[in-house]
Amino acid sequence: MRILIGTSVLWIALSAISDGVSTLVLPVRLGVDPDTPSASFLGLVTFVGLIAAMLVQPLVGSFSDRLRPRVGRQAFLAAGVILVLVGLVGLAFADAPITVGLAFLWLSIALSVTQAPQQALMPDLIPTERRGMAAGLKGFADLLGAMMGFALLGALLAGGDVRPALLALAVVIVALFGVVIILLRRATSAAPPAGVPAGSSSARAAAGLLDAYRLDLRQDAAFARAVVARFAFLLGTYGVGRFLVAFVANRLRLDVGAAAEAAGGVLAVLALVTAIGALPAGFLSDRWPRSPLMVAGAGASIVGVVAFAVAGELTVVVLGGVLMAIGSALFTVANWATLVDLAPGTEAGRYLGLANIGTAGAAAVAGLLGLLIDAANSLAPGSGFLALFAASAVAMAVSGGLAMGLDSRQATAVVEGPQAAAQG
């Protein structure tokens, strides 16, 4: 349990900073008014930061794989935490929109630098039979961090000064990094995959800078499929969440303030249910084949999207949110455990950095679904949100189809190679 907690606890800080800064701190720092161009600037800043972080992570993961035998993952974690602290300081003292944007870009990249070695701790230290629970703890820590971040920052930003909030985030990440060092101080790496001697390089070890982004689509077909499935599922999930306030205002005929309050309550319920559901989902992922869990998660989320589509009152919206939360817990936990199993042991940092394309890429593309809403409304007034929900449901159905057959036994065979597969 010490190792499980040690590989998961830092996600609380990373999630609190990532979600809290982009959702609460940045709008306050920019003084965003939805009726001014500053709102567009906010959207541009967050989009650029997200894309930059997505591109940096496989590169950092590759470097951490190469240097891990000499310096360990903790050295990369320490470097990332220092970069995050510099970003928080920069954001605290930036006094113009362009410097705020640059500070946020630095912070986004710094978080990605920290996340790359952090997520590689799971394949390094957790044996295959416990990775479902480890993925569940990761999901729980992610959502706990988001909820804590929103609650903490919401209180500290009440006066309009962002510095106390940023100081609190700095204290949180330093304290939790200290917990990681304490819990993992005597941790040893899990056994390397069969046929790969401890401390040696994989046959596919990266040589050039661009090789950090390379996949062999024949050899890595299952891994790529799992990443695309994650992208499709999260695209549908983020698409609904991104436009939930506008949907609630439109469907329930509320003003923007009342809609934001109602949507915030729904999102809070969704986050709470997903966090609670992540732990049993992890337990199940260690005992059942993961493919059916992902398919079930996609199915539950599709039913939740349908509930949104037909909702005429807030109760049905909440019901849809709960179904999507349960589906999200099942799918994302089982999917992440599968990705960890599919990542070659000597290149776990690079591969899981590439897997982040499924998460960050979906978050970035989800915003473009607003174009679909506007296009549908221009063709048939009032049909925009139905088009959004249809697209989200299709994306989730695609994710379920891609997840079929991606169970733990296939993952083990892929990671350990033909010799291990033949022995099985």
Protein backbone atom coordinates (compact mmCIF):
# COMPACT_ATOMS: atom_id res chain seq x y z
CA MET A 1 0.00 0.00 0.00
CA ARG A 2 2.94 2.35 0.70
CA ILE A 3 4.09 2.04 -2.92
CA LEU A 4 0.55 2.43 -4.28
CA ILE A 5 0.07 5.67 -2.35
CA GLY A 6 3.58 6.88 -3.19
CA THR A 7 2.98 6.53 -6.93
CA SER A 8 -0.42 8.26 -6.75
CA VAL A 9 -0.32 11.07 -4.19
CA LEU A 10 1.43 13.69 -6.36
CA TRP A 11 -1.49 13.56 -8.81
CA ILE A 12 -3.50 15.50 -6.21
CA ALA A 13 -1.18 18.50 -6.55
CA LEU A 14 -0.78 18.22 -10.33
CA SER A 15 -4.55 18.10 -10.83
CA ALA A 16 -5.23 20.93 -8.37
CA ILE A 17 -2.74 23.17 -10.18
CA SER A 18 -3.75 22.20 -13.72
CA ASP A 19 -7.51 22.47 -13.22
CA GLY A 20 -7.48 25.25 -10.67
CA VAL A 21 -5.17 27.62 -12.55
CA SER A 22 -6.82 27.23 -15.96
CA THR A 23 -10.39 27.35 -14.61
CA LEU A 24 -10.15 29.92 -11.78
CA VAL A 25 -6.79 31.65 -11.47
CA LEU A 26 -6.21 32.53 -15.12
CA PRO A 27 -9.59 34.23 -15.69
CA VAL A 28 -9.07 36.31 -12.52
CA ARG A 29 -5.50 37.16 -13.51
CA LEU A 30 -6.60 38.28 -16.96
CA GLY A 31 -9.71 40.06 -15.68
CA VAL A 32 -11.76 38.20 -18.28
CA ASP A 33 -15.13 39.67 -19.20
CA PRO A 34 -17.15 37.37 -21.47
CA ASP A 35 -18.30 40.40 -23.47
CA THR A 36 -14.75 41.51 -24.36
CA PRO A 37 -11.97 40.08 -26.56
CA SER A 38 -10.11 39.02 -23.41
CA ALA A 39 -12.31 35.90 -23.34
CA SER A 40 -10.92 34.92 -26.74
CA PHE A 41 -7.42 35.55 -25.43
CA LEU A 42 -8.14 33.23 -22.49
CA GLY A 43 -9.24 30.50 -24.88
CA LEU A 44 -6.14 30.96 -27.02
CA VAL A 45 -3.80 30.89 -24.01
CA THR A 46 -5.29 27.68 -22.61
CA PHE A 47 -5.30 26.00 -26.04
CA VAL A 48 -1.64 26.83 -26.73
CA GLY A 49 -0.60 25.73 -23.24
CA LEU A 50 -2.42 22.42 -23.60
CA ILE A 51 -0.92 21.64 -27.01
CA ALA A 52 2.61 22.59 -25.89
CA ALA A 53 2.30 20.37 -22.82
CA MET A 54 1.06 17.48 -24.96
CA LEU A 55 4.04 17.77 -27.32
CA VAL A 56 6.64 18.08 -24.56
CA GLN A 57 5.61 15.06 -22.52
CA PRO A 58 6.81 12.19 -24.78
CA LEU A 59 10.18 13.94 -25.13
CA VAL A 60 10.63 14.30 -21.37
CA GLY A 61 9.42 10.75 -20.88
CA SER A 62 12.04 9.51 -23.34
CA PHE A 63 14.83 11.38 -21.51
CA SER A 64 13.66 10.01 -18.16
CA ASP A 65 13.72 6.47 -19.61
CA ARG A 66 17.32 6.89 -20.78
CA LEU A 67 18.63 8.51 -17.61
CA ARG A 68 16.55 6.52 -15.13
CA PRO A 69 19.29 3.90 -14.46
CA ARG A 70 21.67 6.70 -13.45
CA VAL A 71 19.52 9.34 -11.72
CA GLY A 72 16.13 7.69 -11.17
CA ARG A 73 12.66 9.07 -11.81
CA GLN A 74 12.71 11.16 -8.62
CA ALA A 75 15.40 13.44 -10.06
CA PHE A 76 13.12 14.26 -13.00
CA LEU A 77 10.22 14.75 -10.60
CA ALA A 78 12.31 17.20 -8.57
CA ALA A 79 13.26 19.13 -11.70
CA GLY A 80 9.61 19.28 -12.75
CA VAL A 81 8.47 20.51 -9.34
CA ILE A 82 11.08 23.29 -9.42
CA LEU A 83 9.88 24.35 -12.88
CA VAL A 84 6.28 24.36 -11.61
CA LEU A 85 7.27 26.62 -8.70
CA VAL A 86 8.96 29.02 -11.13
CA GLY A 87 5.78 29.07 -13.22
CA LEU A 88 3.61 29.81 -10.19
CA VAL A 89 5.92 32.69 -9.20
CA GLY A 90 5.83 34.03 -12.76
CA LEU A 91 2.05 33.92 -12.80
CA ALA A 92 1.91 35.69 -9.44
CA PHE A 93 3.99 38.64 -10.64
CA ALA A 94 2.98 38.87 -14.31
CA ASP A 95 1.29 42.23 -14.86
CA ALA A 96 0.26 42.24 -18.52
CA PRO A 97 -1.83 39.82 -20.62
CA ILE A 98 1.18 38.72 -22.69
CA THR A 99 3.33 38.00 -19.62
CA VAL A 100 0.41 36.17 -17.97
CA GLY A 101 0.08 34.09 -21.13
CA LEU A 102 3.81 33.30 -21.18
CA ALA A 103 3.78 32.38 -17.49
CA PHE A 104 0.84 30.04 -18.07
CA LEU A 105 2.64 28.47 -21.04
CA TRP A 106 5.70 27.87 -18.84
CA LEU A 107 3.50 26.40 -16.10
CA SER A 108 1.70 24.08 -18.55
CA ILE A 109 5.01 22.76 -19.87
CA ALA A 110 6.38 22.42 -16.33
CA LEU A 111 3.36 20.37 -15.27
CA SER A 112 3.90 18.14 -18.30
CA VAL A 113 7.60 17.75 -17.40
CA THR A 114 6.54 16.61 -13.92
CA GLN A 115 3.78 14.34 -15.17
CA ALA A 116 6.05 12.38 -17.55
CA PRO A 117 8.19 10.69 -14.85
CA GLN A 118 5.28 10.65 -12.40
CA GLN A 119 3.12 8.43 -14.58
CA ALA A 120 6.08 6.14 -15.34
CA LEU A 121 6.35 5.29 -11.62
CA MET A 122 3.43 2.89 -12.02
CA PRO A 123 5.06 0.51 -14.52
CA ASP A 124 8.39 0.95 -12.72
CA LEU A 125 7.15 -0.04 -9.27
CA ILE A 126 3.73 -1.71 -9.48
CA PRO A 127 3.47 -5.37 -10.52
CA THR A 128 0.99 -6.22 -13.26
CA GLU A 129 -1.54 -7.85 -10.95
CA ARG A 130 -1.98 -4.60 -8.94
CA ARG A 131 -2.00 -2.04 -11.75
CA GLY A 132 -5.78 -1.87 -11.87
CA MET A 133 -5.87 -0.69 -8.27
CA ALA A 134 -2.98 1.70 -8.99
CA ALA A 135 -4.93 3.16 -11.92
CA GLY A 136 -7.97 3.51 -9.65
CA LEU A 137 -5.92 5.39 -7.05
CA LYS A 138 -4.54 7.63 -9.78
CA GLY A 139 -8.06 8.45 -10.96
CA PHE A 140 -9.20 9.08 -7.39
CA ALA A 141 -6.21 11.36 -6.70
CA ASP A 142 -6.80 13.26 -9.96
CA LEU A 143 -10.39 14.08 -9.09
CA LEU A 144 -9.67 14.68 -5.41
CA GLY A 145 -7.05 17.21 -6.48
CA ALA A 146 -9.48 18.95 -8.81
CA MET A 147 -12.16 19.20 -6.12
CA MET A 148 -9.69 20.36 -3.47
CA GLY A 149 -8.23 22.85 -5.91
CA PHE A 150 -11.60 24.34 -6.76
CA ALA A 151 -12.61 24.59 -3.09
CA LEU A 152 -9.28 26.01 -1.90
CA LEU A 153 -8.80 28.45 -4.76
CA GLY A 154 -12.41 29.55 -4.74
CA ALA A 155 -12.01 30.71 -1.13
CA LEU A 156 -8.60 32.32 -1.64
CA LEU A 157 -9.59 34.17 -4.82
CA ALA A 158 -12.61 35.83 -3.25
CA GLY A 159 -10.70 39.07 -2.76
CA GLY A 160 -9.43 39.14 -6.35
CA ASP A 161 -5.74 38.66 -5.41
CA VAL A 162 -4.26 35.53 -7.01
CA ARG A 163 -1.04 35.43 -4.98
CA PRO A 164 -2.41 33.70 -1.84
CA ALA A 165 -3.98 31.05 -4.10
CA LEU A 166 -0.73 30.48 -6.01
CA LEU A 167 1.24 30.33 -2.75
CA ALA A 168 -1.16 27.67 -1.46
CA LEU A 169 -0.65 25.61 -4.64
CA ALA A 170 3.13 25.91 -4.23
CA VAL A 171 2.92 24.64 -0.65
CA VAL A 172 0.72 21.73 -1.71
CA ILE A 173 3.04 20.48 -4.46
CA VAL A 174 6.17 20.81 -2.31
CA ALA A 175 4.51 19.00 0.60
CA LEU A 176 3.20 16.16 -1.55
CA PHE A 177 6.52 15.78 -3.36
CA GLY A 178 8.08 15.35 0.07
CA VAL A 179 5.52 12.61 0.79
CA VAL A 180 6.52 10.87 -2.46
CA ILE A 181 10.21 10.93 -1.52
CA ILE A 182 9.45 9.50 1.93
CA LEU A 183 7.13 6.75 0.70
CA LEU A 184 9.32 5.66 -2.22
CA ARG A 185 12.72 6.08 -0.56
CA ARG A 186 13.36 2.32 -0.46
CA ALA A 187 11.24 1.32 -3.43
CA THR A 188 12.80 -0.97 -6.03
CA SER A 189 11.72 -1.36 -9.61
CA ALA A 190 9.33 -4.09 -10.64
CA ALA A 191 10.91 -6.92 -12.62
CA PRO A 192 11.60 -6.00 -16.26
CA PRO A 193 9.58 -7.64 -19.01
CA ALA A 194 10.60 -11.16 -19.96
CA GLY A 195 13.52 -11.20 -22.38
CA VAL A 196 14.72 -7.71 -21.35
CA PRO A 197 17.67 -7.85 -18.90
CA ALA A 198 17.56 -5.40 -16.03
CA GLY A 199 19.29 -2.13 -16.87
CA SER A 200 19.50 -2.84 -20.62
CA SER A 201 17.99 -0.79 -23.43
CA SER A 202 15.00 -1.94 -25.43
CA ALA A 203 15.56 -2.88 -29.06
CA ARG A 204 13.30 0.06 -29.88
CA ALA A 205 15.22 2.58 -27.75
CA ALA A 206 15.01 6.09 -29.15
CA ALA A 207 18.14 7.54 -30.76
CA GLY A 208 17.07 10.90 -32.15
CA LEU A 209 14.97 13.75 -30.82
CA LEU A 210 11.98 13.03 -33.05
CA ASP A 211 12.11 9.34 -32.15
CA ALA A 212 10.43 10.27 -28.87
CA TYR A 213 7.21 10.51 -30.90
CA ARG A 214 7.73 7.33 -32.89
CA LEU A 215 5.49 4.26 -32.77
CA ASP A 216 5.75 1.08 -34.81
CA LEU A 217 2.12 0.79 -35.87
CA ARG A 218 2.54 -2.95 -36.45
CA GLN A 219 4.33 -3.79 -33.22
CA ASP A 220 2.51 -1.14 -31.18
CA ALA A 221 -0.91 -1.62 -32.77
CA ALA A 222 -2.62 -2.55 -29.49
CA PHE A 223 -1.09 0.41 -27.65
CA ALA A 224 -2.12 2.83 -30.43
CA ARG A 225 -5.62 1.37 -30.38
CA ALA A 226 -5.88 1.91 -26.63
CA VAL A 227 -4.75 5.55 -27.04
CA VAL A 228 -7.27 6.21 -29.82
CA ALA A 229 -10.00 4.59 -27.71
CA ARG A 230 -9.08 6.91 -24.83
CA PHE A 231 -9.11 9.92 -27.15
CA ALA A 232 -12.56 9.03 -28.52
CA PHE A 233 -14.08 8.40 -25.09
CA LEU A 234 -12.70 11.58 -23.53
CA LEU A 235 -13.65 13.63 -26.58
CA GLY A 236 -17.27 12.65 -26.00
CA THR A 237 -17.00 13.29 -22.25
CA TYR A 238 -15.21 16.62 -22.48
CA GLY A 239 -17.52 17.74 -25.28
CA VAL A 240 -20.55 17.43 -23.00
CA GLY A 241 -18.80 19.08 -20.05
CA ARG A 242 -17.37 21.97 -22.07
CA PHE A 243 -20.82 23.19 -23.19
CA LEU A 244 -22.86 22.12 -20.17
CA VAL A 245 -23.54 25.67 -18.92
CA ALA A 246 -24.85 26.78 -22.31
CA PHE A 247 -26.96 23.63 -22.62
CA VAL A 248 -28.53 24.01 -19.17
CA ALA A 249 -29.32 27.66 -19.87
CA ASN A 250 -30.90 26.76 -23.21
CA ARG A 251 -32.82 23.65 -22.21
CA LEU A 252 -34.03 24.78 -18.79
CA ARG A 253 -34.52 28.42 -19.85
CA LEU A 254 -32.26 29.86 -17.16
CA ASP A 255 -30.14 32.99 -17.17
CA VAL A 256 -26.39 32.53 -17.39
CA GLY A 257 -25.80 32.93 -13.65
CA ALA A 258 -28.43 30.37 -12.67
CA ALA A 259 -27.25 28.01 -15.42
CA ALA A 260 -23.65 28.26 -14.21
CA GLU A 261 -24.75 27.45 -10.66
CA ALA A 262 -26.82 24.47 -11.82
CA ALA A 263 -24.11 23.18 -14.17
CA GLY A 264 -21.50 23.60 -11.44
CA GLY A 265 -23.59 21.40 -9.16
CA VAL A 266 -23.89 18.75 -11.87
CA LEU A 267 -20.14 18.82 -12.53
CA ALA A 268 -19.44 18.54 -8.80
CA VAL A 269 -21.68 15.48 -8.56
CA LEU A 270 -20.02 14.00 -11.65
CA ALA A 271 -16.53 14.54 -10.20
CA LEU A 272 -17.51 13.09 -6.81
CA VAL A 273 -19.13 9.98 -8.31
CA THR A 274 -16.19 9.44 -10.65
CA ALA A 275 -13.69 9.78 -7.80
CA ILE A 276 -15.59 7.33 -5.61
CA GLY A 277 -16.12 4.96 -8.55
CA ALA A 278 -12.42 4.95 -9.49
CA LEU A 279 -11.45 2.78 -6.51
CA PRO A 280 -13.88 -0.12 -7.14
CA ALA A 281 -13.13 0.21 -10.86
CA GLY A 282 -9.46 -0.35 -10.05
CA PHE A 283 -10.33 -3.35 -7.90
CA LEU A 284 -12.36 -4.86 -10.75
CA SER A 285 -9.60 -4.11 -13.27
CA ASP A 286 -7.24 -6.41 -11.36
CA ARG A 287 -9.75 -9.28 -11.31
CA TRP A 288 -11.74 -9.08 -14.53
CA PRO A 289 -10.66 -8.66 -18.14
CA ARG A 290 -10.33 -4.94 -18.78
CA SER A 291 -11.90 -4.90 -22.22
CA PRO A 292 -15.45 -5.60 -20.96
CA LEU A 293 -15.03 -2.93 -18.29
CA MET A 294 -14.13 -0.35 -20.93
CA VAL A 295 -17.04 -1.42 -23.11
CA ALA A 296 -19.40 -1.21 -20.11
CA GLY A 297 -18.04 2.23 -19.27
CA ALA A 298 -18.64 3.45 -22.81
CA GLY A 299 -22.16 2.01 -22.73
CA ALA A 300 -23.06 3.66 -19.43
CA SER A 301 -21.77 7.00 -20.68
CA ILE A 302 -23.79 6.74 -23.91
CA VAL A 303 -26.95 6.19 -21.84
CA GLY A 304 -25.98 9.26 -19.80
CA VAL A 305 -25.59 11.33 -22.98
CA VAL A 306 -29.02 10.18 -24.15
CA ALA A 307 -30.44 11.34 -20.81
CA PHE A 308 -28.95 14.78 -21.45
CA ALA A 309 -30.45 14.84 -24.93
CA VAL A 310 -34.01 14.21 -23.67
CA ALA A 311 -33.71 16.11 -20.38
CA GLY A 312 -36.42 18.63 -19.64
CA GLU A 313 -35.59 19.18 -16.00
CA LEU A 314 -32.49 19.35 -13.82
CA THR A 315 -33.14 15.94 -12.18
CA VAL A 316 -32.70 14.18 -15.52
CA VAL A 317 -29.53 16.20 -16.21
CA VAL A 318 -28.12 15.04 -12.87
CA LEU A 319 -29.08 11.44 -13.69
CA GLY A 320 -27.27 11.71 -16.99
CA GLY A 321 -24.23 13.12 -15.19
CA VAL A 322 -24.19 10.23 -12.70
CA LEU A 323 -24.35 7.64 -15.51
CA MET A 324 -21.52 9.40 -17.34
CA ALA A 325 -19.48 9.52 -14.12
CA ILE A 326 -19.87 5.78 -13.54
CA GLY A 327 -18.97 5.11 -17.16
CA SER A 328 -15.97 7.42 -16.94
CA ALA A 329 -14.64 5.66 -13.84
CA LEU A 330 -14.93 2.23 -15.47
CA PHE A 331 -13.48 3.22 -18.82
CA THR A 332 -10.62 5.51 -17.83
CA VAL A 333 -9.30 3.29 -15.01
CA ALA A 334 -9.37 0.09 -17.08
CA ASN A 335 -7.95 1.93 -20.08
CA TRP A 336 -5.05 3.43 -18.15
CA ALA A 337 -4.17 0.08 -16.55
CA THR A 338 -4.16 -1.44 -20.05
CA LEU A 339 -1.91 1.32 -21.41
CA VAL A 340 0.53 0.78 -18.54
CA ASP A 341 0.65 -2.94 -19.32
CA LEU A 342 1.16 -2.27 -23.01
CA ALA A 343 4.02 0.21 -22.48
CA PRO A 344 7.44 -1.52 -22.79
CA GLY A 345 9.14 -1.51 -19.40
CA THR A 346 12.30 0.25 -20.54
CA GLU A 347 10.35 2.99 -22.38
CA ALA A 348 7.42 3.49 -20.03
CA GLY A 349 7.99 7.24 -19.71
CA ARG A 350 7.98 7.83 -23.47
CA TYR A 351 5.02 5.56 -24.20
CA LEU A 352 2.84 6.96 -21.43
CA GLY A 353 3.80 10.45 -22.61
CA LEU A 354 2.41 9.47 -26.01
CA ALA A 355 -0.67 8.10 -24.28
CA ASN A 356 -1.33 11.60 -22.96
CA ILE A 357 -2.29 12.55 -26.51
CA GLY A 358 -5.48 10.66 -25.80
CA THR A 359 -6.19 12.92 -22.82
CA ALA A 360 -4.80 16.34 -23.72
CA GLY A 361 -5.67 15.94 -27.39
CA ALA A 362 -9.29 15.20 -26.55
CA ALA A 363 -9.45 18.19 -24.22
CA ALA A 364 -8.12 20.47 -26.96
CA VAL A 365 -10.35 19.13 -29.74
CA ALA A 366 -13.48 19.14 -27.56
CA GLY A 367 -13.62 22.93 -27.79
CA LEU A 368 -13.98 22.66 -31.56
CA LEU A 369 -17.34 20.94 -31.09
CA GLY A 370 -18.70 24.43 -30.59
CA LEU A 371 -18.40 24.81 -34.36
CA LEU A 372 -20.67 21.79 -34.75
CA ILE A 373 -23.26 23.34 -32.44
CA ASP A 374 -23.28 26.59 -34.40
CA ALA A 375 -23.38 24.81 -37.77
CA ALA A 376 -26.32 22.63 -36.70
CA ASN A 377 -28.22 25.63 -35.35
CA SER A 378 -27.70 27.48 -38.62
CA LEU A 379 -29.20 24.57 -40.54
CA ALA A 380 -32.02 23.81 -38.09
CA PRO A 381 -32.50 26.27 -35.22
CA GLY A 382 -32.45 24.54 -31.84
CA SER A 383 -30.66 21.41 -33.07
CA GLY A 384 -27.16 22.39 -31.98
CA PHE A 385 -27.03 20.52 -28.69
CA LEU A 386 -28.68 17.45 -30.20
CA ALA A 387 -25.85 17.41 -32.74
CA LEU A 388 -23.33 17.74 -29.90
CA PHE A 389 -24.84 14.83 -27.98
CA ALA A 390 -25.03 12.71 -31.13
CA ALA A 391 -21.34 13.36 -31.85
CA SER A 392 -20.42 12.58 -28.23
CA ALA A 393 -22.38 9.33 -28.26
CA VAL A 394 -20.77 8.28 -31.55
CA ALA A 395 -17.30 9.03 -30.15
CA MET A 396 -18.05 6.92 -27.08
CA ALA A 397 -19.39 4.08 -29.24
CA VAL A 398 -16.18 4.18 -31.27
CA SER A 399 -14.16 4.00 -28.05
CA GLY A 400 -16.11 0.94 -26.91
CA GLY A 401 -15.58 -0.76 -30.26
CA LEU A 402 -11.84 -0.09 -30.19
CA ALA A 403 -11.61 -1.36 -26.60
CA MET A 404 -12.94 -4.80 -27.49
CA GLY A 405 -10.19 -7.37 -27.09
CA LEU A 406 -7.78 -5.09 -25.21
CA ASP A 407 -7.62 -7.18 -22.04
CA SER A 408 -4.76 -7.76 -19.61
CA ARG A 409 -3.71 -11.07 -21.18
CA GLN A 410 -3.22 -9.47 -24.58
CA ALA A 411 -1.33 -6.61 -22.92
CA THR A 412 1.04 -9.03 -21.19
CA ALA A 413 1.70 -10.87 -24.42
CA VAL A 414 2.48 -7.64 -26.25
CA VAL A 415 4.82 -6.32 -23.56
CA GLU A 416 6.66 -9.53 -22.91
CA GLY A 417 7.10 -10.47 -26.54
CA PRO A 418 6.54 -13.55 -28.69
CA GLN A 419 8.50 -15.86 -26.44
CA ALA A 420 6.30 -15.14 -23.43
CA ALA A 421 3.18 -15.37 -25.55
CA ALA A 422 4.25 -18.78 -26.80
CA GLN A 423 4.85 -19.99 -23.27
CA GLY A 424 1.32 -18.94 -22.32
